[in-house]
Amino acid sequence: MPNTILKLSCPDHVGLLSRISGWVAHHGGNLVEVHQFTDPEAGWFFARMEIDTHTLHEDLPTLREQFEPLATELKAVWTLRPAEARPRVVVMVSKLGHCLADLLWRWRSGELAFDIPCVIGNHDDCRKMVEREGIPFHCIQVPSDQKERAFKKIATLWHEARADSVVLARYMQVVPPNLCAAWPGRIINIHHSFLPSFVGANPYQRAHDRGVKLIGATCHYVTEELDAGPIIDQEVIRVEHFHTVPDLVRLGRDCERIALARSLRWHLADRILIHGGKTVVFRD
């Protein structure tokens, strides 16, 4: 059934859900799924509604135009889009291909509904994996003395690909602040640590040195502050005293794949709302 998704957040006050659902009903919308949450500390309201497209009186551009006055009154951040739309996602990768391979399988099988216009790597290691799927692969090396030039090329490729979002699938380069600012809430990173513990490089080695009993992976939106963007999802696994660093790496890669796939699924379905440094996730 084709559905239309309304995602919204705004300052909280009495009667919000009634007003928004009333607006949907006024335009013939039959609500098939509704999620809402109010953060009392922030005084902020969050909602996601799926509307049966068949019952609506107007097309989507008209609906957006007619919702604008109410959204302005509510001081809302909002989107209204067809659920069946396939967002375009550029995937970034370095040498390790386990997260990329998992995403390619979920894309090929139809488990995740998105298109991959291209994959960009700073090494050539994953080229064959990508090109055998019929997807263009671009290798843009990022020398330490030419990072600005390299990321200008990368930004150009993102725009030429008409990307809706970008996934850093173990892409081991820091995205510069100007790109983070230009793509807020649209760049997703998988970090091989249970953040905020062990930020930065070599987290499995540091976790082993610390003797932790749990390791994990964190999927988050990318911001200017390294590994500190709003967290979407985390996955953990128990480790034992006899596990070596390679054991932690092997176990951790499973966590990375799971956390990234779940997060991308929710992102594609407009189930994530960002407010400040946190997210509200309406899980399916």
C-alpha atoms as a PDB file:
ATOM      1  CA  MET A   1       0.000   0.000   0.000  1.00  0.00           C
ATOM      2  CA  PRO A   2       1.556   3.359  -1.010  1.00  0.00           C
ATOM      3  CA  ASN A   3       1.828   5.568   2.050  1.00  0.00           C
ATOM      4  CA  THR A   4       2.853   9.159   2.666  1.00  0.00           C
ATOM      5  CA  ILE A   5       5.135   9.917   5.630  1.00  0.00           C
ATOM      6  CA  LEU A   6       4.831  13.084   7.682  1.00  0.00           C
ATOM      7  CA  LYS A   7       7.779  13.630  10.041  1.00  0.00           C
ATOM      8  CA  LEU A   8       7.712  16.629  12.368  1.00  0.00           C
ATOM      9  CA  SER A   9       9.275  18.155  15.458  1.00  0.00           C
ATOM     10  CA  CYS A  10       8.408  21.427  17.142  1.00  0.00           C
ATOM     11  CA  PRO A  11       8.094  23.158  20.529  1.00  0.00           C
ATOM     12  CA  ASP A  12       5.609  21.284  22.679  1.00  0.00           C
ATOM     13  CA  HIS A  13       2.219  22.604  23.731  1.00  0.00           C
ATOM     14  CA  VAL A  14      -1.240  21.252  24.448  1.00  0.00           C
ATOM     15  CA  GLY A  15      -3.250  19.836  21.557  1.00  0.00           C
ATOM     16  CA  LEU A  16      -0.448  19.312  19.032  1.00  0.00           C
ATOM     17  CA  LEU A  17      -1.292  15.731  18.128  1.00  0.00           C
ATOM     18  CA  SER A  18      -4.969  16.643  17.749  1.00  0.00           C
ATOM     19  CA  ARG A  19      -4.196  19.576  15.461  1.00  0.00           C
ATOM     20  CA  ILE A  20      -1.853  17.619  13.209  1.00  0.00           C
ATOM     21  CA  SER A  21      -4.037  14.538  12.973  1.00  0.00           C
ATOM     22  CA  GLY A  22      -7.033  16.813  12.406  1.00  0.00           C
ATOM     23  CA  TRP A  23      -5.231  18.437   9.494  1.00  0.00           C
ATOM     24  CA  VAL A  24      -4.531  14.996   8.030  1.00  0.00           C
ATOM     25  CA  ALA A  25      -8.189  14.012   8.411  1.00  0.00           C
ATOM     26  CA  HIS A  26      -9.345  17.271   6.836  1.00  0.00           C
ATOM     27  CA  HIS A  27      -7.373  16.340   3.714  1.00  0.00           C
ATOM     28  CA  GLY A  28      -8.839  12.847   3.599  1.00  0.00           C
ATOM     29  CA  GLY A  29      -5.831  11.116   5.146  1.00  0.00           C
ATOM     30  CA  ASN A  30      -6.334   7.765   6.855  1.00  0.00           C
ATOM     31  CA  LEU A  31      -3.589   7.297   9.462  1.00  0.00           C
ATOM     32  CA  VAL A  32      -2.153   3.780   9.302  1.00  0.00           C
ATOM     33  CA  GLU A  33       0.726   4.295  11.765  1.00  0.00           C
ATOM     34  CA  VAL A  34       1.355   7.029  14.340  1.00  0.00           C
ATOM     35  CA  HIS A  35       4.322   7.587  16.645  1.00  0.00           C
ATOM     36  CA  GLN A  36       4.716  10.566  18.945  1.00  0.00           C
ATOM     37  CA  PHE A  37       6.983  11.534  21.832  1.00  0.00           C
ATOM     38  CA  THR A  38       7.298  14.584  24.032  1.00  0.00           C
ATOM     39  CA  ASP A  39      10.611  15.376  25.700  1.00  0.00           C
ATOM     40  CA  PRO A  40       9.578  17.176  28.903  1.00  0.00           C
ATOM     41  CA  GLU A  41      13.104  18.399  29.645  1.00  0.00           C
ATOM     42  CA  ALA A  42      13.562  19.994  26.238  1.00  0.00           C
ATOM     43  CA  GLY A  43       9.892  20.941  25.879  1.00  0.00           C
ATOM     44  CA  TRP A  44       9.907  19.456  22.415  1.00  0.00           C
ATOM     45  CA  PHE A  45       7.384  17.362  20.489  1.00  0.00           C
ATOM     46  CA  PHE A  46       8.227  14.676  17.922  1.00  0.00           C
ATOM     47  CA  ALA A  47       5.886  12.796  15.590  1.00  0.00           C
ATOM     48  CA  ARG A  48       5.921  10.444  12.622  1.00  0.00           C
ATOM     49  CA  MET A  49       2.709   9.589  10.792  1.00  0.00           C
ATOM     50  CA  GLU A  50       2.099   7.209   7.901  1.00  0.00           C
ATOM     51  CA  ILE A  51      -0.918   8.182   5.813  1.00  0.00           C
ATOM     52  CA  ASP A  52      -2.739   6.001   3.289  1.00  0.00           C
ATOM     53  CA  THR A  53      -2.032   7.797   0.017  1.00  0.00           C
ATOM     54  CA  HIS A  54      -5.202   6.439  -1.644  1.00  0.00           C
ATOM     55  CA  THR A  55      -7.483   8.386   0.690  1.00  0.00           C
ATOM     56  CA  LEU A  56      -5.847  11.806   0.263  1.00  0.00           C
ATOM     57  CA  HIS A  57      -7.748  14.491  -1.622  1.00  0.00           C
ATOM     58  CA  GLU A  58      -4.654  16.244  -3.050  1.00  0.00           C
ATOM     59  CA  ASP A  59      -1.324  15.302  -4.568  1.00  0.00           C
ATOM     60  CA  LEU A  60       1.904  15.616  -2.585  1.00  0.00           C
ATOM     61  CA  PRO A  61       3.087  19.045  -3.845  1.00  0.00           C
ATOM     62  CA  THR A  62      -0.326  20.514  -3.002  1.00  0.00           C
ATOM     63  CA  LEU A  63      -0.299  18.882   0.432  1.00  0.00           C
ATOM     64  CA  ARG A  64       3.129  20.341   1.193  1.00  0.00           C
ATOM     65  CA  GLU A  65       1.924  23.790   0.164  1.00  0.00           C
ATOM     66  CA  GLN A  66      -1.191  23.505   2.298  1.00  0.00           C
ATOM     67  CA  PHE A  67       0.706  22.201   5.344  1.00  0.00           C
ATOM     68  CA  GLU A  68       3.170  25.095   5.276  1.00  0.00           C
ATOM     69  CA  PRO A  69       0.968  27.605   7.191  1.00  0.00           C
ATOM     70  CA  LEU A  70       0.356  25.147  10.050  1.00  0.00           C
ATOM     71  CA  ALA A  71       4.029  24.166  10.164  1.00  0.00           C
ATOM     72  CA  THR A  72       5.031  27.831  10.308  1.00  0.00           C
ATOM     73  CA  GLU A  73       2.589  28.469  13.136  1.00  0.00           C
ATOM     74  CA  LEU A  74       3.950  25.477  15.071  1.00  0.00           C
ATOM     75  CA  LYS A  75       7.579  26.490  14.337  1.00  0.00           C
ATOM     76  CA  ALA A  76       8.071  22.961  13.068  1.00  0.00           C
ATOM     77  CA  VAL A  77      10.875  21.184  11.285  1.00  0.00           C
ATOM     78  CA  TRP A  78       9.091  18.767   8.957  1.00  0.00           C
ATOM     79  CA  THR A  79       9.118  16.603   5.848  1.00  0.00           C
ATOM     80  CA  LEU A  80       6.306  15.076   3.832  1.00  0.00           C
ATOM     81  CA  ARG A  81       7.258  12.420   1.306  1.00  0.00           C
ATOM     82  CA  PRO A  82       6.095   9.167  -0.298  1.00  0.00           C
ATOM     83  CA  ALA A  83       7.125   6.100   1.703  1.00  0.00           C
ATOM     84  CA  GLU A  84       7.993   4.169  -1.442  1.00  0.00           C
ATOM     85  CA  ALA A  85      10.624   6.709  -2.545  1.00  0.00           C
ATOM     86  CA  ARG A  86      14.103   5.210  -2.904  1.00  0.00           C
ATOM     87  CA  PRO A  87      16.691   7.618  -1.457  1.00  0.00           C
ATOM     88  CA  ARG A  88      20.060   7.836  -3.182  1.00  0.00           C
ATOM     89  CA  VAL A  89      22.904   6.888  -0.832  1.00  0.00           C
ATOM     90  CA  VAL A  90      26.603   7.289  -1.608  1.00  0.00           C
ATOM     91  CA  VAL A  91      28.751   4.817   0.337  1.00  0.00           C
ATOM     92  CA  MET A  92      32.274   5.714   1.466  1.00  0.00           C
ATOM     93  CA  VAL A  93      34.840   3.026   2.259  1.00  0.00           C
ATOM     94  CA  SER A  94      38.547   2.555   2.946  1.00  0.00           C
ATOM     95  CA  LYS A  95      40.224  -0.868   3.040  1.00  0.00           C
ATOM     96  CA  LEU A  96      37.848  -2.915   5.216  1.00  0.00           C
ATOM     97  CA  GLY A  97      34.845  -4.139   3.225  1.00  0.00           C
ATOM     98  CA  HIS A  98      32.673  -5.993   5.749  1.00  0.00           C
ATOM     99  CA  CYS A  99      30.147  -3.177   6.274  1.00  0.00           C
ATOM    100  CA  LEU A 100      30.096  -2.364   2.558  1.00  0.00           C
ATOM    101  CA  ALA A 101      29.539  -6.040   1.665  1.00  0.00           C
ATOM    102  CA  ASP A 102      26.647  -6.240   4.114  1.00  0.00           C
ATOM    103  CA  LEU A 103      25.000  -3.119   2.682  1.00  0.00           C
ATOM    104  CA  LEU A 104      25.445  -4.392  -0.870  1.00  0.00           C
ATOM    105  CA  TRP A 105      23.746  -7.668   0.051  1.00  0.00           C
ATOM    106  CA  ARG A 106      20.831  -5.866   1.743  1.00  0.00           C
ATOM    107  CA  TRP A 107      20.534  -3.534  -1.267  1.00  0.00           C
ATOM    108  CA  ARG A 108      20.680  -6.386  -3.816  1.00  0.00           C
ATOM    109  CA  SER A 109      18.167  -8.514  -1.883  1.00  0.00           C
ATOM    110  CA  GLY A 110      15.757  -5.600  -1.476  1.00  0.00           C
ATOM    111  CA  GLU A 111      15.910  -5.719   2.304  1.00  0.00           C
ATOM    112  CA  LEU A 112      16.867  -2.041   2.301  1.00  0.00           C
ATOM    113  CA  ALA A 113      15.059   0.148  -0.219  1.00  0.00           C
ATOM    114  CA  PHE A 114      17.634   2.585  -1.533  1.00  0.00           C
ATOM    115  CA  ASP A 115      19.776   3.242  -4.582  1.00  0.00           C
ATOM    116  CA  ILE A 116      23.587   3.420  -4.626  1.00  0.00           C
ATOM    117  CA  PRO A 117      24.667   5.843  -7.353  1.00  0.00           C
ATOM    118  CA  CYS A 118      28.339   5.229  -6.539  1.00  0.00           C
ATOM    119  CA  VAL A 119      30.838   4.084  -3.938  1.00  0.00           C
ATOM    120  CA  ILE A 120      33.853   6.249  -3.108  1.00  0.00           C
ATOM    121  CA  GLY A 121      37.019   4.880  -1.527  1.00  0.00           C
ATOM    122  CA  ASN A 122      40.362   6.323  -0.539  1.00  0.00           C
ATOM    123  CA  HIS A 123      41.917   2.968  -1.485  1.00  0.00           C
ATOM    124  CA  ASP A 124      41.194   0.554  -4.339  1.00  0.00           C
ATOM    125  CA  ASP A 125      40.704  -2.526  -2.141  1.00  0.00           C
ATOM    126  CA  CYS A 126      36.916  -2.696  -2.546  1.00  0.00           C
ATOM    127  CA  ARG A 127      36.696  -1.819  -6.234  1.00  0.00           C
ATOM    128  CA  LYS A 128      36.024  -5.368  -7.504  1.00  0.00           C
ATOM    129  CA  MET A 129      33.356  -5.970  -4.869  1.00  0.00           C
ATOM    130  CA  VAL A 130      31.512  -2.832  -5.986  1.00  0.00           C
ATOM    131  CA  GLU A 131      31.943  -3.057  -9.741  1.00  0.00           C
ATOM    132  CA  ARG A 132      30.706  -6.659  -9.934  1.00  0.00           C
ATOM    133  CA  GLU A 133      27.384  -5.228  -8.685  1.00  0.00           C
ATOM    134  CA  GLY A 134      27.353  -2.783 -11.588  1.00  0.00           C
ATOM    135  CA  ILE A 135      27.952   0.220  -9.331  1.00  0.00           C
ATOM    136  CA  PRO A 136      30.573   2.880 -10.225  1.00  0.00           C
ATOM    137  CA  PHE A 137      33.582   3.016  -7.906  1.00  0.00           C
ATOM    138  CA  HIS A 138      35.692   6.155  -7.511  1.00  0.00           C
ATOM    139  CA  CYS A 139      39.061   6.093  -5.786  1.00  0.00           C
ATOM    140  CA  ILE A 140      39.913   9.498  -4.310  1.00  0.00           C
ATOM    141  CA  GLN A 141      43.098   9.291  -2.306  1.00  0.00           C
ATOM    142  CA  VAL A 142      43.381  11.660   0.655  1.00  0.00           C
ATOM    143  CA  PRO A 143      47.066  12.546   1.195  1.00  0.00           C
ATOM    144  CA  SER A 144      47.673  14.372   4.452  1.00  0.00           C
ATOM    145  CA  ASP A 145      48.937  17.450   2.575  1.00  0.00           C
ATOM    146  CA  GLN A 146      46.053  17.505   0.032  1.00  0.00           C
ATOM    147  CA  LYS A 147      42.951  16.797   2.121  1.00  0.00           C
ATOM    148  CA  GLU A 148      41.127  19.972   1.137  1.00  0.00           C
ATOM    149  CA  ARG A 149      41.589  19.234  -2.550  1.00  0.00           C
ATOM    150  CA  ALA A 150      40.523  15.596  -2.120  1.00  0.00           C
ATOM    151  CA  PHE A 151      37.339  16.466  -0.267  1.00  0.00           C
ATOM    152  CA  LYS A 152      36.416  19.066  -2.884  1.00  0.00           C
ATOM    153  CA  LYS A 153      36.445  16.225  -5.409  1.00  0.00           C
ATOM    154  CA  ILE A 154      34.420  14.056  -3.048  1.00  0.00           C
ATOM    155  CA  ALA A 155      31.843  16.816  -2.488  1.00  0.00           C
ATOM    156  CA  THR A 156      31.531  17.228  -6.261  1.00  0.00           C
ATOM    157  CA  LEU A 157      30.859  13.492  -6.643  1.00  0.00           C
ATOM    158  CA  TRP A 158      28.193  13.635  -3.924  1.00  0.00           C
ATOM    159  CA  HIS A 159      26.397  16.430  -5.775  1.00  0.00           C
ATOM    160  CA  GLU A 160      26.782  14.815  -9.191  1.00  0.00           C
ATOM    161  CA  ALA A 161      25.316  11.604  -7.742  1.00  0.00           C
ATOM    162  CA  ARG A 162      22.327  13.633  -6.446  1.00  0.00           C
ATOM    163  CA  ALA A 163      22.886  11.935  -3.101  1.00  0.00           C
ATOM    164  CA  ASP A 164      20.219  12.202  -0.440  1.00  0.00           C
ATOM    165  CA  SER A 165      22.545  10.719   2.185  1.00  0.00           C
ATOM    166  CA  VAL A 166      26.100   9.476   2.629  1.00  0.00           C
ATOM    167  CA  VAL A 167      27.189   6.414   4.618  1.00  0.00           C
ATOM    168  CA  LEU A 168      30.726   6.116   5.976  1.00  0.00           C
ATOM    169  CA  ALA A 169      31.079   2.321   5.977  1.00  0.00           C
ATOM    170  CA  ARG A 170      34.360   2.207   7.876  1.00  0.00           C
ATOM    171  CA  TYR A 171      35.704   5.153   5.912  1.00  0.00           C
ATOM    172  CA  MET A 172      38.820   6.005   7.852  1.00  0.00           C
ATOM    173  CA  GLN A 173      39.065   9.703   7.070  1.00  0.00           C
ATOM    174  CA  VAL A 174      37.695  12.655   9.015  1.00  0.00           C
ATOM    175  CA  VAL A 175      35.059  14.580   7.056  1.00  0.00           C
ATOM    176  CA  PRO A 176      35.985  18.297   7.114  1.00  0.00           C
ATOM    177  CA  PRO A 177      33.767  20.740   9.030  1.00  0.00           C
ATOM    178  CA  ASN A 178      32.471  22.521   5.924  1.00  0.00           C
ATOM    179  CA  LEU A 179      31.039  19.267   4.528  1.00  0.00           C
ATOM    180  CA  CYS A 180      29.539  18.346   7.903  1.00  0.00           C
ATOM    181  CA  ALA A 181      27.830  21.746   7.990  1.00  0.00           C
ATOM    182  CA  ALA A 182      26.578  21.401   4.419  1.00  0.00           C
ATOM    183  CA  TRP A 183      25.101  17.920   5.007  1.00  0.00           C
ATOM    184  CA  PRO A 184      23.568  18.036   8.526  1.00  0.00           C
ATOM    185  CA  GLY A 185      21.716  14.857   9.465  1.00  0.00           C
ATOM    186  CA  ARG A 186      22.630  13.282   6.117  1.00  0.00           C
ATOM    187  CA  ILE A 187      26.032  11.692   6.804  1.00  0.00           C
ATOM    188  CA  ILE A 188      25.953   8.438   8.787  1.00  0.00           C
ATOM    189  CA  ASN A 189      29.076   6.899  10.311  1.00  0.00           C
ATOM    190  CA  ILE A 190      29.684   3.507  11.890  1.00  0.00           C
ATOM    191  CA  HIS A 191      32.304   3.703  14.627  1.00  0.00           C
ATOM    192  CA  HIS A 192      33.935   0.548  15.948  1.00  0.00           C
ATOM    193  CA  SER A 193      33.418   1.400  19.598  1.00  0.00           C
ATOM    194  CA  PHE A 194      30.620   1.797  22.111  1.00  0.00           C
ATOM    195  CA  LEU A 195      30.792   5.581  22.152  1.00  0.00           C
ATOM    196  CA  PRO A 196      31.571   7.744  24.025  1.00  0.00           C
ATOM    197  CA  SER A 197      34.199   5.210  25.134  1.00  0.00           C
ATOM    198  CA  PHE A 198      37.335   4.855  23.019  1.00  0.00           C
ATOM    199  CA  VAL A 199      36.816   7.713  20.591  1.00  0.00           C
ATOM    200  CA  GLY A 200      39.162   7.832  17.612  1.00  0.00           C
ATOM    201  CA  ALA A 201      41.586   5.229  16.308  1.00  0.00           C
ATOM    202  CA  ASN A 202      42.418   1.719  17.579  1.00  0.00           C
ATOM    203  CA  PRO A 203      39.406   1.326  19.917  1.00  0.00           C
ATOM    204  CA  TYR A 204      39.620  -2.491  20.017  1.00  0.00           C
ATOM    205  CA  GLN A 205      43.234  -2.365  21.179  1.00  0.00           C
ATOM    206  CA  ARG A 206      42.347   0.168  23.865  1.00  0.00           C
ATOM    207  CA  ALA A 207      39.292  -1.848  24.900  1.00  0.00           C
ATOM    208  CA  HIS A 208      41.497  -4.930  25.246  1.00  0.00           C
ATOM    209  CA  ASP A 209      44.077  -2.987  27.261  1.00  0.00           C
ATOM    210  CA  ARG A 210      41.313  -1.793  29.581  1.00  0.00           C
ATOM    211  CA  GLY A 211      39.953  -5.321  30.049  1.00  0.00           C
ATOM    212  CA  VAL A 212      36.365  -4.478  29.141  1.00  0.00           C
ATOM    213  CA  LYS A 213      33.695  -7.193  29.300  1.00  0.00           C
ATOM    214  CA  LEU A 214      31.530  -5.674  26.592  1.00  0.00           C
ATOM    215  CA  ILE A 215      32.521  -4.191  23.265  1.00  0.00           C
ATOM    216  CA  GLY A 216      30.253  -2.541  20.775  1.00  0.00           C
ATOM    217  CA  ALA A 217      29.715  -0.387  17.733  1.00  0.00           C
ATOM    218  CA  THR A 218      27.981   2.952  17.439  1.00  0.00           C
ATOM    219  CA  CYS A 219      26.158   4.386  14.442  1.00  0.00           C
ATOM    220  CA  HIS A 220      25.796   8.151  14.543  1.00  0.00           C
ATOM    221  CA  TYR A 221      25.312  11.229  12.417  1.00  0.00           C
ATOM    222  CA  VAL A 222      28.524  13.028  11.537  1.00  0.00           C
ATOM    223  CA  THR A 223      29.178  16.473  12.978  1.00  0.00           C
ATOM    224  CA  GLU A 224      32.201  18.722  13.170  1.00  0.00           C
ATOM    225  CA  GLU A 225      33.225  17.166  16.500  1.00  0.00           C
ATOM    226  CA  LEU A 226      34.915  13.810  15.913  1.00  0.00           C
ATOM    227  CA  ASP A 227      32.759  10.782  16.827  1.00  0.00           C
ATOM    228  CA  ALA A 228      30.392  12.986  18.829  1.00  0.00           C
ATOM    229  CA  GLY A 229      27.357  13.335  16.558  1.00  0.00           C
ATOM    230  CA  PRO A 230      23.824  12.288  17.555  1.00  0.00           C
ATOM    231  CA  ILE A 231      23.726   8.534  18.170  1.00  0.00           C
ATOM    232  CA  ILE A 232      21.248   6.491  16.146  1.00  0.00           C
ATOM    233  CA  ASP A 233      21.929   2.964  17.364  1.00  0.00           C
ATOM    234  CA  GLN A 234      24.439   0.863  19.284  1.00  0.00           C
ATOM    235  CA  GLU A 235      25.107  -2.874  19.344  1.00  0.00           C
ATOM    236  CA  VAL A 236      27.157  -4.771  21.943  1.00  0.00           C
ATOM    237  CA  ILE A 237      28.594  -8.226  22.460  1.00  0.00           C
ATOM    238  CA  ARG A 238      30.179  -9.841  25.522  1.00  0.00           C
ATOM    239  CA  VAL A 239      33.879 -10.623  25.499  1.00  0.00           C
ATOM    240  CA  GLU A 240      35.928 -12.871  27.779  1.00  0.00           C
ATOM    241  CA  HIS A 241      39.298 -12.547  29.450  1.00  0.00           C
ATOM    242  CA  PHE A 242      40.885 -14.971  26.984  1.00  0.00           C
ATOM    243  CA  HIS A 243      39.844 -13.014  23.893  1.00  0.00           C
ATOM    244  CA  THR A 244      42.717 -11.430  21.994  1.00  0.00           C
ATOM    245  CA  VAL A 245      42.632  -8.155  20.073  1.00  0.00           C
ATOM    246  CA  PRO A 246      41.944 -10.046  16.786  1.00  0.00           C
ATOM    247  CA  ASP A 247      39.038 -11.786  18.585  1.00  0.00           C
ATOM    248  CA  LEU A 248      37.629  -8.402  19.581  1.00  0.00           C
ATOM    249  CA  VAL A 249      37.984  -7.174  16.001  1.00  0.00           C
ATOM    250  CA  ARG A 250      36.165 -10.258  14.681  1.00  0.00           C
ATOM    251  CA  LEU A 251      33.350  -9.982  17.216  1.00  0.00           C
ATOM    252  CA  GLY A 252      33.123  -6.232  16.810  1.00  0.00           C
ATOM    253  CA  ARG A 253      32.630  -6.419  13.065  1.00  0.00           C
ATOM    254  CA  ASP A 254      29.351  -8.245  13.623  1.00  0.00           C
ATOM    255  CA  CYS A 255      28.241  -5.395  15.872  1.00  0.00           C
ATOM    256  CA  GLU A 256      29.269  -2.870  13.234  1.00  0.00           C
ATOM    257  CA  ARG A 257      27.265  -4.544  10.474  1.00  0.00           C
ATOM    258  CA  ILE A 258      24.126  -4.877  12.608  1.00  0.00           C
ATOM    259  CA  ALA A 259      24.180  -1.339  14.012  1.00  0.00           C
ATOM    260  CA  LEU A 260      24.807   0.220  10.599  1.00  0.00           C
ATOM    261  CA  ALA A 261      22.092  -1.772   8.823  1.00  0.00           C
ATOM    262  CA  ARG A 262      19.490  -0.964  11.481  1.00  0.00           C
ATOM    263  CA  SER A 263      20.392   2.704  11.513  1.00  0.00           C
ATOM    264  CA  LEU A 264      20.264   3.025   7.748  1.00  0.00           C
ATOM    265  CA  ARG A 265      16.911   1.239   7.687  1.00  0.00           C
ATOM    266  CA  TRP A 266      15.436   3.749  10.153  1.00  0.00           C
ATOM    267  CA  HIS A 267      17.052   6.686   8.378  1.00  0.00           C
ATOM    268  CA  LEU A 268      15.639   5.621   5.005  1.00  0.00           C
ATOM    269  CA  ALA A 269      12.178   5.264   6.523  1.00  0.00           C
ATOM    270  CA  ASP A 270      12.241   8.717   8.199  1.00  0.00           C
ATOM    271  CA  ARG A 271      12.097   7.129  11.648  1.00  0.00           C
ATOM    272  CA  ILE A 272      14.837   9.324  13.129  1.00  0.00           C
ATOM    273  CA  LEU A 273      14.381  12.868  14.383  1.00  0.00           C
ATOM    274  CA  ILE A 274      17.393  14.901  15.537  1.00  0.00           C
ATOM    275  CA  HIS A 275      17.187  17.475  18.304  1.00  0.00           C
ATOM    276  CA  GLY A 276      20.428  19.023  19.467  1.00  0.00           C
ATOM    277  CA  GLY A 277      22.939  16.275  20.184  1.00  0.00           C
ATOM    278  CA  LYS A 278      20.362  13.489  20.543  1.00  0.00           C
ATOM    279  CA  THR A 279      17.963  11.507  18.402  1.00  0.00           C
ATOM    280  CA  VAL A 280      14.448  10.217  18.794  1.00  0.00           C
ATOM    281  CA  VAL A 281      14.089   6.910  16.935  1.00  0.00           C
ATOM    282  CA  PHE A 282      10.622   5.487  16.217  1.00  0.00           C
ATOM    283  CA  ARG A 283      11.689   1.881  15.671  1.00  0.00           C
ATOM    284  CA  ASP A 284       9.780  -0.431  13.386  1.00  0.00           C
END
